[in-house]
Protein backbone atom coordinates (compact mmCIF):
# COMPACT_ATOMS: atom_id res chain seq x y z
CA MET A 1 114.42 114.51 109.19
CA THR A 2 115.01 115.65 105.64
CA ALA A 3 114.42 113.60 102.50
CA PRO A 4 117.54 112.30 100.72
CA GLN A 5 118.72 114.25 97.70
CA ARG A 6 117.51 112.48 94.54
CA PRO A 7 119.46 112.38 91.22
CA VAL A 8 118.32 115.11 88.91
CA GLU A 9 116.99 112.57 86.39
CA LEU A 10 114.52 111.22 88.97
CA ILE A 11 113.44 114.74 89.93
CA LEU A 12 112.79 115.52 86.20
CA MET A 13 110.96 112.23 85.71
CA ARG A 14 108.66 113.01 88.63
CA GLN A 15 108.06 116.50 87.23
CA LEU A 16 107.12 115.05 83.86
CA ALA A 17 104.86 112.40 85.44
CA SER A 18 102.98 115.07 87.32
CA TYR A 19 101.91 116.63 83.96
CA LEU A 20 100.85 113.47 82.11
CA ALA A 21 97.28 112.18 81.99
CA MET A 22 98.32 108.49 82.00
CA PRO A 23 98.85 106.65 85.31
CA ILE A 24 102.58 106.59 86.17
CA MET A 25 104.57 105.45 89.20
CA ILE A 26 108.28 105.94 89.85
CA ALA A 27 110.60 103.84 92.03
CA ASP A 28 114.30 104.21 92.68
CA HIS A 29 116.99 101.55 92.48
CA ALA A 30 116.82 101.01 96.26
CA ARG A 31 113.22 99.79 95.87
CA THR A 32 111.54 102.93 97.27
CA LEU A 33 108.25 104.00 95.65
CA LEU A 34 109.00 107.69 95.06
CA TYR A 35 105.87 109.05 93.36
CA PHE A 36 102.67 108.33 91.54
CA ASN A 37 100.62 110.90 89.68
CA GLN A 38 96.96 111.87 89.96
CA ALA A 39 95.92 109.55 87.15
CA ALA A 40 97.53 106.63 89.04
CA GLU A 41 95.74 107.69 92.20
CA ALA A 42 92.36 107.02 90.51
CA LEU A 43 93.51 103.64 89.26
CA LEU A 44 95.19 102.54 92.48
CA GLY A 45 92.52 103.81 94.80
CA ARG A 46 95.12 105.66 96.90
CA ARG A 47 96.27 109.26 97.09
CA TYR A 48 99.98 109.99 96.91
CA ALA A 49 99.65 112.71 99.52
CA GLU A 50 98.55 110.03 102.03
CA THR A 51 101.12 107.45 100.99
CA ARG A 52 104.28 109.44 100.26
CA GLU A 53 107.53 107.67 99.68
CA THR A 54 107.41 104.10 100.91
CA ARG A 55 109.38 100.87 100.58
CA LEU A 56 108.24 98.88 97.59
CA GLU A 57 107.74 95.75 99.69
CA ASP A 58 105.37 97.59 102.00
CA TRP A 59 103.45 98.98 99.04
CA MET A 60 103.16 95.56 97.35
CA ARG A 61 101.71 93.92 100.47
CA GLY A 62 98.76 96.29 100.29
CA LEU A 63 98.15 95.98 96.55
CA PRO A 64 97.71 92.45 95.29
CA LEU A 65 98.28 91.91 91.54
CA TYR A 66 96.83 89.03 89.56
CA ASP A 67 97.65 87.68 86.11
CA GLU A 68 95.07 87.34 83.28
CA ALA A 69 93.87 84.01 84.65
CA GLY A 70 93.22 85.52 88.10
CA GLN A 71 96.26 83.89 89.80
CA LEU A 72 98.12 86.02 92.38
CA ILE A 73 101.47 87.26 91.03
CA PRO A 74 104.29 86.65 93.59
CA PRO A 75 106.00 89.90 94.65
CA GLU A 76 109.30 89.22 92.87
CA GLU A 77 107.57 88.28 89.60
CA ARG A 78 105.67 91.58 89.40
CA PRO A 79 106.85 93.87 86.55
CA LEU A 80 108.43 96.61 88.73
CA PRO A 81 110.64 94.33 90.79
CA VAL A 82 111.73 92.49 87.61
CA VAL A 83 112.82 95.74 86.01
CA LEU A 84 114.60 96.94 89.13
CA ARG A 85 116.46 93.67 89.38
CA GLU A 86 117.16 92.94 85.66
CA ARG A 87 117.34 96.49 84.28
CA ARG A 88 115.27 95.63 81.25
CA PRO A 89 111.79 96.77 80.08
CA VAL A 90 108.79 94.60 80.95
CA HIS A 91 105.23 94.65 79.65
CA ARG A 92 102.43 92.58 81.19
CA ARG A 93 98.66 92.34 81.47
CA LEU A 94 97.41 92.12 85.02
CA ARG A 95 94.54 92.86 87.36
CA LEU A 96 94.73 95.15 90.39
CA ARG A 97 93.29 94.13 93.77
CA ASP A 98 90.68 91.71 92.39
CA PRO A 99 91.33 88.42 90.50
CA ASP A 100 88.19 89.08 88.49
CA GLY A 101 88.77 92.81 88.03
CA PRO A 102 89.34 94.56 84.74
CA LEU A 103 92.52 93.80 82.82
CA ILE A 104 95.06 96.58 82.57
CA GLU A 105 98.48 96.60 80.93
CA ALA A 106 101.66 97.76 82.68
CA THR A 107 104.75 98.87 80.82
CA VAL A 108 107.80 99.26 83.14
CA LEU A 109 110.92 101.03 81.85
CA PRO A 110 114.30 101.15 83.55
CA LEU A 111 115.59 104.64 84.26
CA GLU A 112 119.28 105.20 83.63
CA GLY A 113 121.35 108.28 84.48
CA GLN A 114 124.41 109.75 82.96
CA GLY A 115 127.27 107.32 82.84
CA GLY A 116 124.93 104.33 82.90
CA ARG A 117 123.89 104.75 86.53
CA HIS A 118 120.82 102.60 87.36
CA LEU A 119 118.37 105.02 88.89
CA GLY A 120 115.16 102.99 89.12
CA ALA A 121 112.08 102.46 87.00
CA ALA A 122 108.87 104.06 85.83
CA ILE A 123 105.67 102.09 85.41
CA ILE A 124 102.95 103.25 83.05
CA PHE A 125 99.49 101.66 83.37
CA TRP A 126 97.24 101.32 80.28
CA GLU A 127 93.58 100.77 81.00
CA LEU A 128 92.04 98.40 78.46
CA ALA A 129 88.66 99.14 76.93
CA ALA A 130 85.90 96.82 78.16
CA ARG A 131 85.44 93.98 75.74
């Protein structure tokens, strides 16, 4: 079975993400996690080569996110689903996998193609210095 052809803008975004040193993930408008770079692998504790493209819902089940107070963030309130649904940027502080873990910041940007086509979103993680 062959992978579906992706819009050129998503292909180019993936290419750019592969060269950047900051953790980046890319999802399409159909809620498929398409890619995350090597910097994101270290942060997420998973390798992209082992995960490959997967449904966002399946991915989220295996990666709990918590707010600054340590409360679990419901799946549809997480930054990536909000951007995919509302097509607007979102920035939020959160904790990965552990309610007492280090705070990180996530900036999620909608990806639009020519003619205003909604393509998906890119999420950039910012690790905060220990305080």
